[in-house]
Amino acid sequence: MTQSTTVPLHPVCRHCGSDQIVRDASARWDAAAQAWTLSGVYDCHFCDTCNREGDTLAQWTTATGEEPEGAGSGPVPLP
């Protein structure tokens, strides 16, 4: 049996390299749980460091700063 190895990824700004990336989301009140539950995450990313925003702002990298295998030149979707 083969063991799968998952490499942790994190987003960085493709303009300044910062990892201070945020996204807007929406939440709905769940009366049964008596808590807010995440119902959607919007496509647009925002960099707190350089104040840029866009749907392709985030570049996914490994903890060592390398592009994940198979990433090519485009953005990598969320794992």
PDB file of N, CA and C in Angstrom:
ATOM      1  N   MET A   1       0.841  -1.180   0.000  1.00  0.00           N
ATOM      2  CA  MET A   1       0.000   0.000   0.000  1.00  0.00           C
ATOM      3  C   MET A   1       0.885   1.242   0.000  1.00  0.00           C
ATOM      4  N   THR A   2       0.506   2.228  -0.786  1.00  0.00           N
ATOM      5  CA  THR A   2       1.290   3.459  -0.890  1.00  0.00           C
ATOM      6  C   THR A   2       0.735   4.505   0.066  1.00  0.00           C
ATOM      7  N   GLN A   3       1.634   5.217   0.717  1.00  0.00           N
ATOM      8  CA  GLN A   3       1.213   6.270   1.628  1.00  0.00           C
ATOM      9  C   GLN A   3       1.260   7.599   0.895  1.00  0.00           C
ATOM     10  N   SER A   4       0.167   8.343   0.929  1.00  0.00           N
ATOM     11  CA  SER A   4       0.088   9.637   0.267  1.00  0.00           C
ATOM     12  C   SER A   4       0.702  10.715   1.160  1.00  0.00           C
ATOM     13  N   THR A   5       1.534  11.553   0.581  1.00  0.00           N
ATOM     14  CA  THR A   5       2.143  12.650   1.323  1.00  0.00           C
ATOM     15  C   THR A   5       1.509  13.951   0.857  1.00  0.00           C
ATOM     16  N   THR A   6       0.933  14.696   1.783  1.00  0.00           N
ATOM     17  CA  THR A   6       0.318  15.970   1.469  1.00  0.00           C
ATOM     18  C   THR A   6       1.267  17.083   1.886  1.00  0.00           C
ATOM     19  N   VAL A   7       1.614  17.943   0.946  1.00  0.00           N
ATOM     20  CA  VAL A   7       2.492  19.068   1.235  1.00  0.00           C
ATOM     21  C   VAL A   7       1.613  20.255   1.624  1.00  0.00           C
ATOM     22  N   PRO A   8       1.818  20.818   2.822  1.00  0.00           N
ATOM     23  CA  PRO A   8       1.024  21.981   3.226  1.00  0.00           C
ATOM     24  C   PRO A   8       1.274  23.165   2.281  1.00  0.00           C
ATOM     25  N   LEU A   9       0.186  23.837   1.910  1.00  0.00           N
ATOM     26  CA  LEU A   9       0.265  24.996   1.028  1.00  0.00           C
ATOM     27  C   LEU A   9      -0.222  26.239   1.766  1.00  0.00           C
ATOM     28  N   HIS A  10       0.223  27.399   1.308  1.00  0.00           N
ATOM     29  CA  HIS A  10      -0.328  28.648   1.821  1.00  0.00           C
ATOM     30  C   HIS A  10      -0.265  29.690   0.704  1.00  0.00           C
ATOM     31  N   PRO A  11      -1.202  30.661   0.741  1.00  0.00           N
ATOM     32  CA  PRO A  11      -1.230  31.681  -0.298  1.00  0.00           C
ATOM     33  C   PRO A  11      -0.269  32.826   0.011  1.00  0.00           C
ATOM     34  N   VAL A  12       0.377  33.331  -1.039  1.00  0.00           N
ATOM     35  CA  VAL A  12       1.194  34.539  -0.925  1.00  0.00           C
ATOM     36  C   VAL A  12       0.791  35.488  -2.050  1.00  0.00           C
ATOM     37  N   CYS A  13       1.010  36.758  -1.834  1.00  0.00           N
ATOM     38  CA  CYS A  13       0.680  37.770  -2.845  1.00  0.00           C
ATOM     39  C   CYS A  13       1.647  37.644  -4.013  1.00  0.00           C
ATOM     40  N   ARG A  14       1.112  37.545  -5.214  1.00  0.00           N
ATOM     41  CA  ARG A  14       1.991  37.407  -6.381  1.00  0.00           C
ATOM     42  C   ARG A  14       2.699  38.719  -6.723  1.00  0.00           C
ATOM     43  N   HIS A  15       2.331  39.828  -6.054  1.00  0.00           N
ATOM     44  CA  HIS A  15       2.981  41.116  -6.312  1.00  0.00           C
ATOM     45  C   HIS A  15       4.107  41.408  -5.313  1.00  0.00           C
ATOM     46  N   CYS A  16       3.820  41.211  -4.007  1.00  0.00           N
ATOM     47  CA  CYS A  16       4.825  41.585  -2.999  1.00  0.00           C
ATOM     48  C   CYS A  16       5.371  40.388  -2.220  1.00  0.00           C
ATOM     49  N   GLY A  17       4.769  39.209  -2.368  1.00  0.00           N
ATOM     50  CA  GLY A  17       5.251  38.015  -1.687  1.00  0.00           C
ATOM     51  C   GLY A  17       4.754  37.843  -0.260  1.00  0.00           C
ATOM     52  N   SER A  18       3.935  38.771   0.227  1.00  0.00           N
ATOM     53  CA  SER A  18       3.423  38.697   1.593  1.00  0.00           C
ATOM     54  C   SER A  18       2.437  37.538   1.737  1.00  0.00           C
ATOM     55  N   ASP A  19       2.366  36.982   2.953  1.00  0.00           N
ATOM     56  CA  ASP A  19       1.367  35.941   3.195  1.00  0.00           C
ATOM     57  C   ASP A  19       0.160  36.507   3.961  1.00  0.00           C
ATOM     58  N   GLN A  20       0.033  37.819   3.973  1.00  0.00           N
ATOM     59  CA  GLN A  20      -1.091  38.485   4.638  1.00  0.00           C
ATOM     60  C   GLN A  20      -2.264  38.633   3.668  1.00  0.00           C
ATOM     61  N   ILE A  21      -2.792  37.491   3.224  1.00  0.00           N
ATOM     62  CA  ILE A  21      -3.879  37.451   2.246  1.00  0.00           C
ATOM     63  C   ILE A  21      -5.197  37.217   2.975  1.00  0.00           C
ATOM     64  N   VAL A  22      -6.220  37.973   2.609  1.00  0.00           N
ATOM     65  CA  VAL A  22      -7.553  37.798   3.196  1.00  0.00           C
ATOM     66  C   VAL A  22      -8.585  37.651   2.086  1.00  0.00           C
ATOM     67  N   ARG A  23      -9.729  37.070   2.442  1.00  0.00           N
ATOM     68  CA  ARG A  23     -10.852  36.928   1.512  1.00  0.00           C
ATOM     69  C   ARG A  23     -12.131  37.277   2.251  1.00  0.00           C
ATOM     70  N   ASP A  24     -13.096  37.826   1.520  1.00  0.00           N
ATOM     71  CA  ASP A  24     -14.408  38.087   2.091  1.00  0.00           C
ATOM     72  C   ASP A  24     -15.235  36.808   2.028  1.00  0.00           C
ATOM     73  N   ALA A  25     -16.184  36.708   2.947  1.00  0.00           N
ATOM     74  CA  ALA A  25     -17.057  35.544   2.995  1.00  0.00           C
ATOM     75  C   ALA A  25     -18.425  35.968   3.512  1.00  0.00           C
ATOM     76  N   SER A  26     -19.381  35.078   3.379  1.00  0.00           N
ATOM     77  CA  SER A  26     -20.697  35.333   3.945  1.00  0.00           C
ATOM     78  C   SER A  26     -21.038  34.230   4.929  1.00  0.00           C
ATOM     79  N   ALA A  27     -21.795  34.608   5.956  1.00  0.00           N
ATOM     80  CA  ALA A  27     -22.202  33.652   6.978  1.00  0.00           C
ATOM     81  C   ALA A  27     -23.706  33.782   7.188  1.00  0.00           C
ATOM     82  N   ARG A  28     -24.315  32.690   7.563  1.00  0.00           N
ATOM     83  CA  ARG A  28     -25.751  32.669   7.838  1.00  0.00           C
ATOM     84  C   ARG A  28     -25.966  32.164   9.266  1.00  0.00           C
ATOM     85  N   TRP A  29     -26.992  32.729   9.903  1.00  0.00           N
ATOM     86  CA  TRP A  29     -27.311  32.300  11.256  1.00  0.00           C
ATOM     87  C   TRP A  29     -27.959  30.918  11.197  1.00  0.00           C
ATOM     88  N   ASP A  30     -27.430  29.986  11.988  1.00  0.00           N
ATOM     89  CA  ASP A  30     -27.978  28.636  12.082  1.00  0.00           C
ATOM     90  C   ASP A  30     -28.705  28.557  13.417  1.00  0.00           C
ATOM     91  N   ALA A  31     -30.039  28.602  13.377  1.00  0.00           N
ATOM     92  CA  ALA A  31     -30.842  28.633  14.601  1.00  0.00           C
ATOM     93  C   ALA A  31     -30.662  27.357  15.416  1.00  0.00           C
ATOM     94  N   ALA A  32     -30.545  26.216  14.752  1.00  0.00           N
ATOM     95  CA  ALA A  32     -30.382  24.946  15.474  1.00  0.00           C
ATOM     96  C   ALA A  32     -29.049  24.902  16.213  1.00  0.00           C
ATOM     97  N   ALA A  33     -27.991  25.379  15.571  1.00  0.00           N
ATOM     98  CA  ALA A  33     -26.659  25.364  16.192  1.00  0.00           C
ATOM     99  C   ALA A  33     -26.417  26.586  17.074  1.00  0.00           C
ATOM    100  N   GLN A  34     -27.267  27.610  16.921  1.00  0.00           N
ATOM    101  CA  GLN A  34     -27.121  28.872  17.632  1.00  0.00           C
ATOM    102  C   GLN A  34     -25.736  29.472  17.393  1.00  0.00           C
ATOM    103  N   ALA A  35     -25.380  29.484  16.098  1.00  0.00           N
ATOM    104  CA  ALA A  35     -24.072  30.016  15.714  1.00  0.00           C
ATOM    105  C   ALA A  35     -24.107  30.455  14.259  1.00  0.00           C
ATOM    106  N   TRP A  36     -23.164  31.312  13.902  1.00  0.00           N
ATOM    107  CA  TRP A  36     -22.991  31.694  12.500  1.00  0.00           C
ATOM    108  C   TRP A  36     -22.247  30.574  11.787  1.00  0.00           C
ATOM    109  N   THR A  37     -22.700  30.220  10.595  1.00  0.00           N
ATOM    110  CA  THR A  37     -22.011  29.202   9.805  1.00  0.00           C
ATOM    111  C   THR A  37     -21.607  29.797   8.473  1.00  0.00           C
ATOM    112  N   LEU A  38     -20.432  29.463   8.035  1.00  0.00           N
ATOM    113  CA  LEU A  38     -19.910  29.972   6.775  1.00  0.00           C
ATOM    114  C   LEU A  38     -20.732  29.402   5.623  1.00  0.00           C
ATOM    115  N   SER A  39     -21.271  30.274   4.785  1.00  0.00           N
ATOM    116  CA  SER A  39     -22.084  29.797   3.676  1.00  0.00           C
ATOM    117  C   SER A  39     -21.442  30.052   2.317  1.00  0.00           C
ATOM    118  N   GLY A  40     -20.403  30.865   2.280  1.00  0.00           N
ATOM    119  CA  GLY A  40     -19.732  31.114   1.012  1.00  0.00           C
ATOM    120  C   GLY A  40     -18.473  31.939   1.198  1.00  0.00           C
ATOM    121  N   VAL A  41     -17.508  31.705   0.323  1.00  0.00           N
ATOM    122  CA  VAL A  41     -16.262  32.473   0.310  1.00  0.00           C
ATOM    123  C   VAL A  41     -16.142  33.076  -1.079  1.00  0.00           C
ATOM    124  N   TYR A  42     -15.928  34.383  -1.159  1.00  0.00           N
ATOM    125  CA  TYR A  42     -15.866  35.066  -2.445  1.00  0.00           C
ATOM    126  C   TYR A  42     -14.514  34.853  -3.124  1.00  0.00           C
ATOM    127  N   ASP A  43     -14.494  34.980  -4.445  1.00  0.00           N
ATOM    128  CA  ASP A  43     -13.300  34.714  -5.236  1.00  0.00           C
ATOM    129  C   ASP A  43     -12.170  35.713  -5.012  1.00  0.00           C
ATOM    130  N   CYS A  44     -12.505  36.964  -4.775  1.00  0.00           N
ATOM    131  CA  CYS A  44     -11.497  38.018  -4.696  1.00  0.00           C
ATOM    132  C   CYS A  44     -10.602  37.877  -3.465  1.00  0.00           C
ATOM    133  N   HIS A  45      -9.286  38.062  -3.678  1.00  0.00           N
ATOM    134  CA  HIS A  45      -8.297  38.045  -2.604  1.00  0.00           C
ATOM    135  C   HIS A  45      -7.823  39.485  -2.375  1.00  0.00           C
ATOM    136  N   PHE A  46      -7.379  39.789  -1.152  1.00  0.00           N
ATOM    137  CA  PHE A  46      -6.861  41.107  -0.830  1.00  0.00           C
ATOM    138  C   PHE A  46      -5.572  40.938  -0.037  1.00  0.00           C
ATOM    139  N   CYS A  47      -4.541  41.711  -0.384  1.00  0.00           N
ATOM    140  CA  CYS A  47      -3.266  41.665   0.333  1.00  0.00           C
ATOM    141  C   CYS A  47      -3.217  42.831   1.319  1.00  0.00           C
ATOM    142  N   ASP A  48      -3.111  42.510   2.600  1.00  0.00           N
ATOM    143  CA  ASP A  48      -3.032  43.545   3.639  1.00  0.00           C
ATOM    144  C   ASP A  48      -1.726  44.325   3.580  1.00  0.00           C
ATOM    145  N   THR A  49      -0.701  43.770   2.948  1.00  0.00           N
ATOM    146  CA  THR A  49       0.608  44.426   2.911  1.00  0.00           C
ATOM    147  C   THR A  49       0.702  45.471   1.805  1.00  0.00           C
ATOM    148  N   CYS A  50       0.337  45.102   0.572  1.00  0.00           N
ATOM    149  CA  CYS A  50       0.489  46.048  -0.547  1.00  0.00           C
ATOM    150  C   CYS A  50      -0.846  46.630  -1.033  1.00  0.00           C
ATOM    151  N   ASN A  51      -1.943  46.232  -0.385  1.00  0.00           N
ATOM    152  CA  ASN A  51      -3.285  46.750  -0.683  1.00  0.00           C
ATOM    153  C   ASN A  51      -3.781  46.448  -2.094  1.00  0.00           C
ATOM    154  N   ARG A  52      -3.258  45.402  -2.713  1.00  0.00           N
ATOM    155  CA  ARG A  52      -3.776  45.002  -4.021  1.00  0.00           C
ATOM    156  C   ARG A  52      -4.867  43.966  -3.829  1.00  0.00           C
ATOM    157  N   GLU A  53      -5.720  43.844  -4.852  1.00  0.00           N
ATOM    158  CA  GLU A  53      -6.773  42.850  -4.792  1.00  0.00           C
ATOM    159  C   GLU A  53      -7.037  42.272  -6.164  1.00  0.00           C
ATOM    160  N   GLY A  54      -7.629  41.103  -6.196  1.00  0.00           N
ATOM    161  CA  GLY A  54      -7.979  40.476  -7.459  1.00  0.00           C
ATOM    162  C   GLY A  54      -8.252  38.990  -7.292  1.00  0.00           C
ATOM    163  N   ASP A  55      -8.922  38.419  -8.285  1.00  0.00           N
ATOM    164  CA  ASP A  55      -9.275  37.002  -8.232  1.00  0.00           C
ATOM    165  C   ASP A  55      -8.062  36.089  -8.384  1.00  0.00           C
ATOM    166  N   THR A  56      -6.976  36.596  -8.947  1.00  0.00           N
ATOM    167  CA  THR A  56      -5.780  35.769  -9.145  1.00  0.00           C
ATOM    168  C   THR A  56      -4.580  36.319  -8.370  1.00  0.00           C
ATOM    169  N   LEU A  57      -4.836  37.088  -7.326  1.00  0.00           N
ATOM    170  CA  LEU A  57      -3.760  37.694  -6.528  1.00  0.00           C
ATOM    171  C   LEU A  57      -2.947  36.650  -5.768  1.00  0.00           C
ATOM    172  N   ALA A  58      -3.636  35.642  -5.223  1.00  0.00           N
ATOM    173  CA  ALA A  58      -2.962  34.640  -4.394  1.00  0.00           C
ATOM    174  C   ALA A  58      -2.235  33.621  -5.254  1.00  0.00           C
ATOM    175  N   GLN A  59      -0.996  33.387  -4.890  1.00  0.00           N
ATOM    176  CA  GLN A  59      -0.189  32.345  -5.525  1.00  0.00           C
ATOM    177  C   GLN A  59       0.074  31.312  -4.440  1.00  0.00           C
ATOM    178  N   TRP A  60      -0.277  30.063  -4.695  1.00  0.00           N
ATOM    179  CA  TRP A  60      -0.127  29.013  -3.688  1.00  0.00           C
ATOM    180  C   TRP A  60       1.281  28.462  -3.724  1.00  0.00           C
ATOM    181  N   THR A  61       1.913  28.418  -2.550  1.00  0.00           N
ATOM    182  CA  THR A  61       3.278  27.921  -2.443  1.00  0.00           C
ATOM    183  C   THR A  61       3.364  26.910  -1.299  1.00  0.00           C
ATOM    184  N   THR A  62       4.460  26.166  -1.280  1.00  0.00           N
ATOM    185  CA  THR A  62       4.720  25.256  -0.168  1.00  0.00           C
ATOM    186  C   THR A  62       5.345  26.054   0.967  1.00  0.00           C
ATOM    187  N   ALA A  63       5.545  25.422   2.100  1.00  0.00           N
ATOM    188  CA  ALA A  63       6.151  26.091   3.251  1.00  0.00           C
ATOM    189  C   ALA A  63       7.559  26.586   2.946  1.00  0.00           C
ATOM    190  N   THR A  64       8.228  25.958   1.960  1.00  0.00           N
ATOM    191  CA  THR A  64       9.581  26.378   1.596  1.00  0.00           C
ATOM    192  C   THR A  64       9.575  27.443   0.508  1.00  0.00           C
ATOM    193  N   GLY A  65       8.372  27.872   0.074  1.00  0.00           N
ATOM    194  CA  GLY A  65       8.278  28.924  -0.928  1.00  0.00           C
ATOM    195  C   GLY A  65       8.305  28.439  -2.362  1.00  0.00           C
ATOM    196  N   GLU A  66       8.236  27.122  -2.568  1.00  0.00           N
ATOM    197  CA  GLU A  66       8.252  26.580  -3.923  1.00  0.00           C
ATOM    198  C   GLU A  66       6.828  26.432  -4.441  1.00  0.00           C
ATOM    199  N   GLU A  67       6.676  26.520  -5.774  1.00  0.00           N
ATOM    200  CA  GLU A  67       5.370  26.266  -6.366  1.00  0.00           C
ATOM    201  C   GLU A  67       5.066  24.787  -6.230  1.00  0.00           C
ATOM    202  N   PRO A  68       3.813  24.449  -5.903  1.00  0.00           N
ATOM    203  CA  PRO A  68       3.460  23.035  -5.803  1.00  0.00           C
ATOM    204  C   PRO A  68       3.597  22.330  -7.139  1.00  0.00           C
ATOM    205  N   GLU A  69       3.843  21.034  -7.090  1.00  0.00           N
ATOM    206  CA  GLU A  69       3.969  20.241  -8.304  1.00  0.00           C
ATOM    207  C   GLU A  69       2.699  20.348  -9.122  1.00  0.00           C
ATOM    208  N   GLY A  70       2.838  20.593 -10.423  1.00  0.00           N
ATOM    209  CA  GLY A  70       1.685  20.689 -11.317  1.00  0.00           C
ATOM    210  C   GLY A  70       1.031  22.055 -11.330  1.00  0.00           C
ATOM    211  N   ALA A  71       1.645  23.047 -10.671  1.00  0.00           N
ATOM    212  CA  ALA A  71       1.035  24.375 -10.592  1.00  0.00           C
ATOM    213  C   ALA A  71       1.164  25.133 -11.899  1.00  0.00           C
ATOM    214  N   GLY A  72       2.217  24.892 -12.655  1.00  0.00           N
ATOM    215  CA  GLY A  72       2.406  25.658 -13.884  1.00  0.00           C
ATOM    216  C   GLY A  72       2.590  27.120 -13.579  1.00  0.00           C
ATOM    217  N   SER A  73       2.182  27.972 -14.510  1.00  0.00           N
ATOM    218  CA  SER A  73       2.354  29.406 -14.298  1.00  0.00           C
ATOM    219  C   SER A  73       1.099  30.058 -13.749  1.00  0.00           C
ATOM    220  N   GLY A  74      -0.014  29.334 -13.710  1.00  0.00           N
ATOM    221  CA  GLY A  74      -1.257  29.920 -13.252  1.00  0.00           C
ATOM    222  C   GLY A  74      -1.468  29.701 -11.772  1.00  0.00           C
ATOM    223  N   PRO A  75      -2.517  30.321 -11.242  1.00  0.00           N
ATOM    224  CA  PRO A  75      -2.814  30.148  -9.822  1.00  0.00           C
ATOM    225  C   PRO A  75      -3.295  28.724  -9.543  1.00  0.00           C
ATOM    226  N   VAL A  76      -2.998  28.250  -8.372  1.00  0.00           N
ATOM    227  CA  VAL A  76      -3.407  26.908  -7.982  1.00  0.00           C
ATOM    228  C   VAL A  76      -4.697  27.050  -7.178  1.00  0.00           C
ATOM    229  N   PRO A  77      -5.732  26.269  -7.493  1.00  0.00           N
ATOM    230  CA  PRO A  77      -6.978  26.376  -6.725  1.00  0.00           C
ATOM    231  C   PRO A  77      -6.780  25.881  -5.296  1.00  0.00           C
ATOM    232  N   LEU A  78      -7.672  26.291  -4.436  1.00  0.00           N
ATOM    233  CA  LEU A  78      -7.614  25.834  -3.059  1.00  0.00           C
ATOM    234  C   LEU A  78      -7.625  24.327  -3.005  1.00  0.00           C
ATOM    235  N   PRO A  79      -6.784  23.758  -2.136  1.00  0.00           N
ATOM    236  CA  PRO A  79      -6.775  22.300  -2.009  1.00  0.00           C
ATOM    237  C   PRO A  79      -8.050  21.783  -1.385  1.00  0.00           C
TER     238      PRO A  79
END
